């Protein structure tokens, strides 16, 4: 099993991260010290997901339509 700080100092970008496997992955990475940037097309789902983290010190939530190149470029920039 990994250490508690496996992702300390790293930033992870996740698409579709506001629910399901994406959210579970984000929570694990965050719990292991990583900074997590979650993108999802569903703004309400992003808000709900954000509440599950409590502390938002290393969390960025962004509404992104991954089929729109401009959205993705702005998110990653």
C-alpha atoms as a PDB file:
ATOM      1  CA  UNK A   1       0.000   0.000   0.000  1.00  0.00           C
ATOM      2  CA  UNK A   2       1.159   3.562  -0.667  1.00  0.00           C
ATOM      3  CA  UNK A   3       2.366   6.127   1.801  1.00  0.00           C
ATOM      4  CA  UNK A   4       0.067   8.874   3.074  1.00  0.00           C
ATOM      5  CA  UNK A   5       1.924  11.561   1.117  1.00  0.00           C
ATOM      6  CA  UNK A   6       2.429   9.772  -2.230  1.00  0.00           C
ATOM      7  CA  UNK A   7       1.121  12.794  -4.146  1.00  0.00           C
ATOM      8  CA  UNK A   8       2.539  15.649  -2.039  1.00  0.00           C
ATOM      9  CA  UNK A   9       3.889  18.387  -4.307  1.00  0.00           C
ATOM     10  CA  UNK A  10       2.030  17.072  -7.350  1.00  0.00           C
ATOM     11  CA  UNK A  11      -0.963  18.496  -9.159  1.00  0.00           C
ATOM     12  CA  UNK A  12      -3.374  16.092 -10.820  1.00  0.00           C
ATOM     13  CA  UNK A  13      -5.950  17.166 -13.430  1.00  0.00           C
ATOM     14  CA  UNK A  14      -9.047  14.955 -13.656  1.00  0.00           C
ATOM     15  CA  UNK A  15     -11.850  15.182 -16.192  1.00  0.00           C
ATOM     16  CA  UNK A  16     -15.257  13.863 -15.211  1.00  0.00           C
ATOM     17  CA  UNK A  17     -14.094  14.066 -11.632  1.00  0.00           C
ATOM     18  CA  UNK A  18     -17.287  15.311 -10.011  1.00  0.00           C
ATOM     19  CA  UNK A  19     -18.786  11.860  -9.527  1.00  0.00           C
ATOM     20  CA  UNK A  20     -18.190   8.133  -9.665  1.00  0.00           C
ATOM     21  CA  UNK A  21     -14.707   6.757 -10.282  1.00  0.00           C
ATOM     22  CA  UNK A  22     -13.338  10.228 -11.071  1.00  0.00           C
ATOM     23  CA  UNK A  23     -14.452  11.614  -7.715  1.00  0.00           C
ATOM     24  CA  UNK A  24     -13.177   8.567  -5.839  1.00  0.00           C
ATOM     25  CA  UNK A  25      -9.810   8.951  -7.573  1.00  0.00           C
ATOM     26  CA  UNK A  26      -9.691  12.662  -6.715  1.00  0.00           C
ATOM     27  CA  UNK A  27     -10.458  11.928  -3.059  1.00  0.00           C
ATOM     28  CA  UNK A  28      -7.685   9.335  -2.832  1.00  0.00           C
ATOM     29  CA  UNK A  29      -5.116  11.637  -4.447  1.00  0.00           C
ATOM     30  CA  UNK A  30      -6.199  14.556  -2.252  1.00  0.00           C
ATOM     31  CA  UNK A  31      -6.055  12.358   0.822  1.00  0.00           C
ATOM     32  CA  UNK A  32      -2.485  11.431  -0.064  1.00  0.00           C
ATOM     33  CA  UNK A  33      -1.352  15.042  -0.229  1.00  0.00           C
ATOM     34  CA  UNK A  34      -1.924  15.922  -3.881  1.00  0.00           C
ATOM     35  CA  UNK A  35      -3.414  19.068  -5.323  1.00  0.00           C
ATOM     36  CA  UNK A  36      -6.435  18.127  -7.417  1.00  0.00           C
ATOM     37  CA  UNK A  37      -7.994  20.050 -10.294  1.00  0.00           C
ATOM     38  CA  UNK A  38     -11.379  18.561 -11.143  1.00  0.00           C
ATOM     39  CA  UNK A  39     -13.146  19.385 -14.386  1.00  0.00           C
ATOM     40  CA  UNK A  40     -16.706  18.399 -15.155  1.00  0.00           C
ATOM     41  CA  UNK A  41     -19.477  19.676 -17.409  1.00  0.00           C
ATOM     42  CA  UNK A  42     -22.055  19.448 -14.604  1.00  0.00           C
ATOM     43  CA  UNK A  43     -21.703  22.526 -12.370  1.00  0.00           C
ATOM     44  CA  UNK A  44     -24.107  21.203  -9.713  1.00  0.00           C
ATOM     45  CA  UNK A  45     -22.105  17.972  -9.498  1.00  0.00           C
ATOM     46  CA  UNK A  46     -18.909  19.999  -9.035  1.00  0.00           C
ATOM     47  CA  UNK A  47     -20.457  21.916  -6.140  1.00  0.00           C
ATOM     48  CA  UNK A  48     -21.622  18.693  -4.504  1.00  0.00           C
ATOM     49  CA  UNK A  49     -18.217  17.078  -5.029  1.00  0.00           C
ATOM     50  CA  UNK A  50     -16.475  20.062  -3.473  1.00  0.00           C
ATOM     51  CA  UNK A  51     -18.459  19.636  -0.278  1.00  0.00           C
ATOM     52  CA  UNK A  52     -17.127  16.096   0.094  1.00  0.00           C
ATOM     53  CA  UNK A  53     -13.564  17.411   0.525  1.00  0.00           C
ATOM     54  CA  UNK A  54     -14.186  19.743   3.462  1.00  0.00           C
ATOM     55  CA  UNK A  55     -10.886  21.621   3.265  1.00  0.00           C
ATOM     56  CA  UNK A  56     -10.311  23.137  -0.194  1.00  0.00           C
ATOM     57  CA  UNK A  57      -6.680  24.139   0.299  1.00  0.00           C
ATOM     58  CA  UNK A  58      -5.483  21.927  -2.574  1.00  0.00           C
ATOM     59  CA  UNK A  59      -8.661  21.681  -4.641  1.00  0.00           C
ATOM     60  CA  UNK A  60      -9.740  23.460  -7.820  1.00  0.00           C
ATOM     61  CA  UNK A  61     -13.206  22.855  -9.305  1.00  0.00           C
ATOM     62  CA  UNK A  62     -13.838  24.041 -12.870  1.00  0.00           C
ATOM     63  CA  UNK A  63     -16.792  23.649 -15.220  1.00  0.00           C
ATOM     64  CA  UNK A  64     -15.266  22.336 -18.454  1.00  0.00           C
ATOM     65  CA  UNK A  65     -16.771  20.829 -21.585  1.00  0.00           C
ATOM     66  CA  UNK A  66     -13.950  18.569 -22.796  1.00  0.00           C
ATOM     67  CA  UNK A  67     -15.430  18.556 -26.305  1.00  0.00           C
ATOM     68  CA  UNK A  68     -14.661  22.305 -26.440  1.00  0.00           C
ATOM     69  CA  UNK A  69     -10.940  22.893 -27.035  1.00  0.00           C
ATOM     70  CA  UNK A  70     -11.126  26.465 -25.681  1.00  0.00           C
ATOM     71  CA  UNK A  71     -12.616  25.224 -22.379  1.00  0.00           C
ATOM     72  CA  UNK A  72      -9.838  22.666 -21.994  1.00  0.00           C
ATOM     73  CA  UNK A  73      -7.089  25.145 -22.886  1.00  0.00           C
ATOM     74  CA  UNK A  74      -8.408  27.662 -20.338  1.00  0.00           C
ATOM     75  CA  UNK A  75      -8.658  24.985 -17.653  1.00  0.00           C
ATOM     76  CA  UNK A  76      -5.121  23.685 -18.160  1.00  0.00           C
ATOM     77  CA  UNK A  77      -3.447  27.088 -18.684  1.00  0.00           C
END
